[in-house]
PDB file of N, CA and C in Angstrom:
ATOM      1  N   UNK A   1     -42.300 134.086  45.463  1.00  0.00           N
ATOM      2  CA  UNK A   1     -41.057 134.385  46.530  1.00  0.00           C
ATOM      3  C   UNK A   1     -39.729 133.782  46.458  1.00  0.00           C
ATOM      4  N   UNK A   2     -40.001 132.235  45.874  1.00  0.00           N
ATOM      5  CA  UNK A   2     -38.936 131.757  46.484  1.00  0.00           C
ATOM      6  C   UNK A   2     -37.650 131.792  45.438  1.00  0.00           C
ATOM      7  N   UNK A   3     -38.188 132.658  43.961  1.00  0.00           N
ATOM      8  CA  UNK A   3     -37.062 132.792  43.046  1.00  0.00           C
ATOM      9  C   UNK A   3     -36.457 134.022  43.266  1.00  0.00           C
ATOM     10  N   UNK A   4     -37.085 135.078  43.644  1.00  0.00           N
ATOM     11  CA  UNK A   4     -36.401 136.318  44.439  1.00  0.00           C
ATOM     12  C   UNK A   4     -35.841 136.003  45.670  1.00  0.00           C
ATOM     13  N   UNK A   5     -36.141 135.374  46.339  1.00  0.00           N
ATOM     14  CA  UNK A   5     -35.399 134.933  47.687  1.00  0.00           C
ATOM     15  C   UNK A   5     -34.061 134.440  47.100  1.00  0.00           C
ATOM     16  N   UNK A   6     -34.128 133.198  45.940  1.00  0.00           N
ATOM     17  CA  UNK A   6     -32.778 132.554  45.961  1.00  0.00           C
ATOM     18  C   UNK A   6     -31.918 133.535  45.206  1.00  0.00           C
ATOM     19  N   UNK A   7     -32.696 134.579  44.168  1.00  0.00           N
ATOM     20  CA  UNK A   7     -31.798 135.449  43.477  1.00  0.00           C
ATOM     21  C   UNK A   7     -31.120 136.379  44.529  1.00  0.00           C
ATOM     22  N   UNK A   8     -31.719 137.214  45.482  1.00  0.00           N
ATOM     23  CA  UNK A   8     -31.221 138.397  45.914  1.00  0.00           C
ATOM     24  C   UNK A   8     -31.115 138.484  47.273  1.00  0.00           C
ATOM     25  N   UNK A   9     -31.252 137.093  48.276  1.00  0.00           N
ATOM     26  CA  UNK A   9     -31.313 136.830  49.423  1.00  0.00           C
ATOM     27  C   UNK A   9     -29.713 136.365  49.696  1.00  0.00           C
ATOM     28  N   UNK A  10     -29.861 135.274  49.040  1.00  0.00           N
ATOM     29  CA  UNK A  10     -29.059 133.855  48.813  1.00  0.00           C
ATOM     30  C   UNK A  10     -27.752 134.611  47.846  1.00  0.00           C
ATOM     31  N   UNK A  11     -28.228 135.436  46.783  1.00  0.00           N
ATOM     32  CA  UNK A  11     -27.118 135.506  45.462  1.00  0.00           C
ATOM     33  C   UNK A  11     -26.865 134.191  44.706  1.00  0.00           C
ATOM     34  N   UNK A  12     -28.006 133.223  45.147  1.00  0.00           N
ATOM     35  CA  UNK A  12     -27.505 131.786  43.900  1.00  0.00           C
ATOM     36  C   UNK A  12     -28.343 132.213  42.340  1.00  0.00           C
ATOM     37  N   UNK A  13     -28.252 132.801  41.870  1.00  0.00           N
ATOM     38  CA  UNK A  13     -29.011 133.414  40.373  1.00  0.00           C
ATOM     39  C   UNK A  13     -28.825 132.472  39.444  1.00  0.00           C
ATOM     40  N   UNK A  14     -28.170 131.331  39.461  1.00  0.00           N
ATOM     41  CA  UNK A  14     -28.323 130.140  38.825  1.00  0.00           C
ATOM     42  C   UNK A  14     -29.667 129.227  39.717  1.00  0.00           C
ATOM     43  N   UNK A  15     -29.510 129.367  40.320  1.00  0.00           N
ATOM     44  CA  UNK A  15     -30.865 128.449  41.152  1.00  0.00           C
ATOM     45  C   UNK A  15     -32.230 129.258  41.284  1.00  0.00           C
ATOM     46  N   UNK A  16     -31.945 130.152  40.620  1.00  0.00           N
ATOM     47  CA  UNK A  16     -33.145 131.594  40.626  1.00  0.00           C
ATOM     48  C   UNK A  16     -33.789 130.788  39.171  1.00  0.00           C
ATOM     49  N   UNK A  17     -32.718 131.359  38.681  1.00  0.00           N
ATOM     50  CA  UNK A  17     -33.252 131.087  36.704  1.00  0.00           C
ATOM     51  C   UNK A  17     -33.556 129.502  36.453  1.00  0.00           C
ATOM     52  N   UNK A  18     -32.867 128.768  37.134  1.00  0.00           N
ATOM     53  CA  UNK A  18     -33.210 127.478  36.911  1.00  0.00           C
ATOM     54  C   UNK A  18     -34.988 127.172  37.542  1.00  0.00           C
ATOM     55  N   UNK A  19     -35.170 127.917  38.503  1.00  0.00           N
ATOM     56  CA  UNK A  19     -36.905 127.796  39.009  1.00  0.00           C
ATOM     57  C   UNK A  19     -37.697 128.402  38.405  1.00  0.00           C
ATOM     58  N   UNK A  20     -37.138 129.814  37.767  1.00  0.00           N
ATOM     59  CA  UNK A  20     -38.068 130.174  36.750  1.00  0.00           C
ATOM     60  C   UNK A  20     -38.657 129.615  35.621  1.00  0.00           C
ATOM     61  N   UNK A  21     -37.523 128.926  35.326  1.00  0.00           N
ATOM     62  CA  UNK A  21     -37.843 127.983  33.890  1.00  0.00           C
ATOM     63  C   UNK A  21     -39.104 127.281  34.097  1.00  0.00           C
ATOM     64  N   UNK A  22     -38.251 126.586  35.282  1.00  0.00           N
ATOM     65  CA  UNK A  22     -39.245 125.154  35.799  1.00  0.00           C
ATOM     66  C   UNK A  22     -41.096 125.822  35.882  1.00  0.00           C
ATOM     67  N   UNK A  23     -40.718 127.011  36.787  1.00  0.00           N
ATOM     68  CA  UNK A  23     -42.275 127.209  37.318  1.00  0.00           C
ATOM     69  C   UNK A  23     -42.542 127.961  35.530  1.00  0.00           C
ATOM     70  N   UNK A  24     -41.758 128.268  34.492  1.00  0.00           N
ATOM     71  CA  UNK A  24     -42.775 129.236  33.398  1.00  0.00           C
ATOM     72  C   UNK A  24     -43.190 127.712  32.821  1.00  0.00           C
ATOM     73  N   UNK A  25     -42.618 126.451  32.610  1.00  0.00           N
ATOM     74  CA  UNK A  25     -43.010 124.967  31.897  1.00  0.00           C
ATOM     75  C   UNK A  25     -43.945 124.650  32.314  1.00  0.00           C
ATOM     76  N   UNK A  26     -44.533 124.876  34.042  1.00  0.00           N
ATOM     77  CA  UNK A  26     -45.482 124.252  34.611  1.00  0.00           C
ATOM     78  C   UNK A  26     -46.763 124.662  34.537  1.00  0.00           C
ATOM     79  N   UNK A  27     -46.488 126.579  34.313  1.00  0.00           N
ATOM     80  CA  UNK A  27     -47.752 127.081  34.251  1.00  0.00           C
ATOM     81  C   UNK A  27     -48.196 126.975  32.838  1.00  0.00           C
ATOM     82  N   UNK A  28     -47.411 127.117  31.627  1.00  0.00           N
ATOM     83  CA  UNK A  28     -47.325 126.459  29.998  1.00  0.00           C
ATOM     84  C   UNK A  28     -47.961 125.196  30.028  1.00  0.00           C
ATOM     85  N   UNK A  29     -47.517 124.593  30.993  1.00  0.00           N
ATOM     86  CA  UNK A  29     -48.228 123.196  30.831  1.00  0.00           C
ATOM     87  C   UNK A  29     -49.789 122.965  30.989  1.00  0.00           C
ATOM     88  N   UNK A  30     -49.816 123.760  32.500  1.00  0.00           N
ATOM     89  CA  UNK A  30     -51.550 123.856  32.631  1.00  0.00           C
ATOM     90  C   UNK A  30     -52.148 124.831  31.838  1.00  0.00           C
ATOM     91  N   UNK A  31     -51.548 125.513  31.246  1.00  0.00           N
ATOM     92  CA  UNK A  31     -52.443 126.440  30.304  1.00  0.00           C
ATOM     93  C   UNK A  31     -52.721 125.814  29.012  1.00  0.00           C
ATOM     94  N   UNK A  32     -52.040 124.629  28.500  1.00  0.00           N
ATOM     95  CA  UNK A  32     -52.380 123.947  27.323  1.00  0.00           C
ATOM     96  C   UNK A  32     -53.504 122.734  27.709  1.00  0.00           C
ATOM     97  N   UNK A  33     -53.194 121.943  29.315  1.00  0.00           N
ATOM     98  CA  UNK A  33     -53.970 120.974  29.522  1.00  0.00           C
ATOM     99  C   UNK A  33     -55.774 121.858  29.465  1.00  0.00           C
ATOM    100  N   UNK A  34     -55.960 122.973  30.043  1.00  0.00           N
ATOM    101  CA  UNK A  34     -56.693 124.005  30.385  1.00  0.00           C
ATOM    102  C   UNK A  34     -57.749 123.827  28.972  1.00  0.00           C
ATOM    103  N   UNK A  35     -56.533 124.809  28.035  1.00  0.00           N
ATOM    104  CA  UNK A  35     -57.337 125.249  26.842  1.00  0.00           C
ATOM    105  C   UNK A  35     -57.694 123.849  26.158  1.00  0.00           C
ATOM    106  N   UNK A  36     -57.426 122.480  26.590  1.00  0.00           N
ATOM    107  CA  UNK A  36     -57.687 121.306  25.553  1.00  0.00           C
ATOM    108  C   UNK A  36     -59.328 121.074  25.977  1.00  0.00           C
ATOM    109  N   UNK A  37     -59.004 121.080  27.569  1.00  0.00           N
ATOM    110  CA  UNK A  37     -60.346 120.933  28.287  1.00  0.00           C
ATOM    111  C   UNK A  37     -61.378 121.517  28.174  1.00  0.00           C
ATOM    112  N   UNK A  38     -61.129 123.353  28.388  1.00  0.00           N
ATOM    113  CA  UNK A  38     -62.503 123.985  28.139  1.00  0.00           C
ATOM    114  C   UNK A  38     -62.789 124.260  26.844  1.00  0.00           C
ATOM    115  N   UNK A  39     -61.961 123.713  25.838  1.00  0.00           N
ATOM    116  CA  UNK A  39     -62.205 124.684  24.769  1.00  0.00           C
ATOM    117  C   UNK A  39     -63.284 124.370  23.733  1.00  0.00           C
ATOM    118  N   UNK A  40     -64.058 125.677  23.424  1.00  0.00           N
ATOM    119  CA  UNK A  40     -65.269 125.786  23.234  1.00  0.00           C
ATOM    120  C   UNK A  40     -65.561 126.771  21.673  1.00  0.00           C
ATOM    121  N   UNK A  41     -65.219 125.772  20.617  1.00  0.00           N
ATOM    122  CA  UNK A  41     -65.470 126.118  19.539  1.00  0.00           C
ATOM    123  C   UNK A  41     -66.627 127.097  18.688  1.00  0.00           C
ATOM    124  N   UNK A  42     -66.060 128.370  18.593  1.00  0.00           N
ATOM    125  CA  UNK A  42     -67.335 129.435  18.336  1.00  0.00           C
ATOM    126  C   UNK A  42     -66.842 129.668  16.959  1.00  0.00           C
ATOM    127  N   UNK A  43     -67.942 129.533  16.110  1.00  0.00           N
ATOM    128  CA  UNK A  43     -68.480 130.196  14.412  1.00  0.00           C
ATOM    129  C   UNK A  43     -69.331 131.809  14.797  1.00  0.00           C
ATOM    130  N   UNK A  44     -68.261 132.282  14.054  1.00  0.00           N
ATOM    131  CA  UNK A  44     -69.116 133.278  13.853  1.00  0.00           C
ATOM    132  C   UNK A  44     -69.817 133.644  12.474  1.00  0.00           C
TER     133      UNK A  44
END
């Protein structure tokens, strides 16, 4: 909601874009950490 509010309520598209990129980076980092921790090798 923060990104949406910054962009369309306060018309601050620059801050919304930066926030979206930071959010993407955080989610990507958490995903990579999770994949390393929970990685189970499956051989078919």
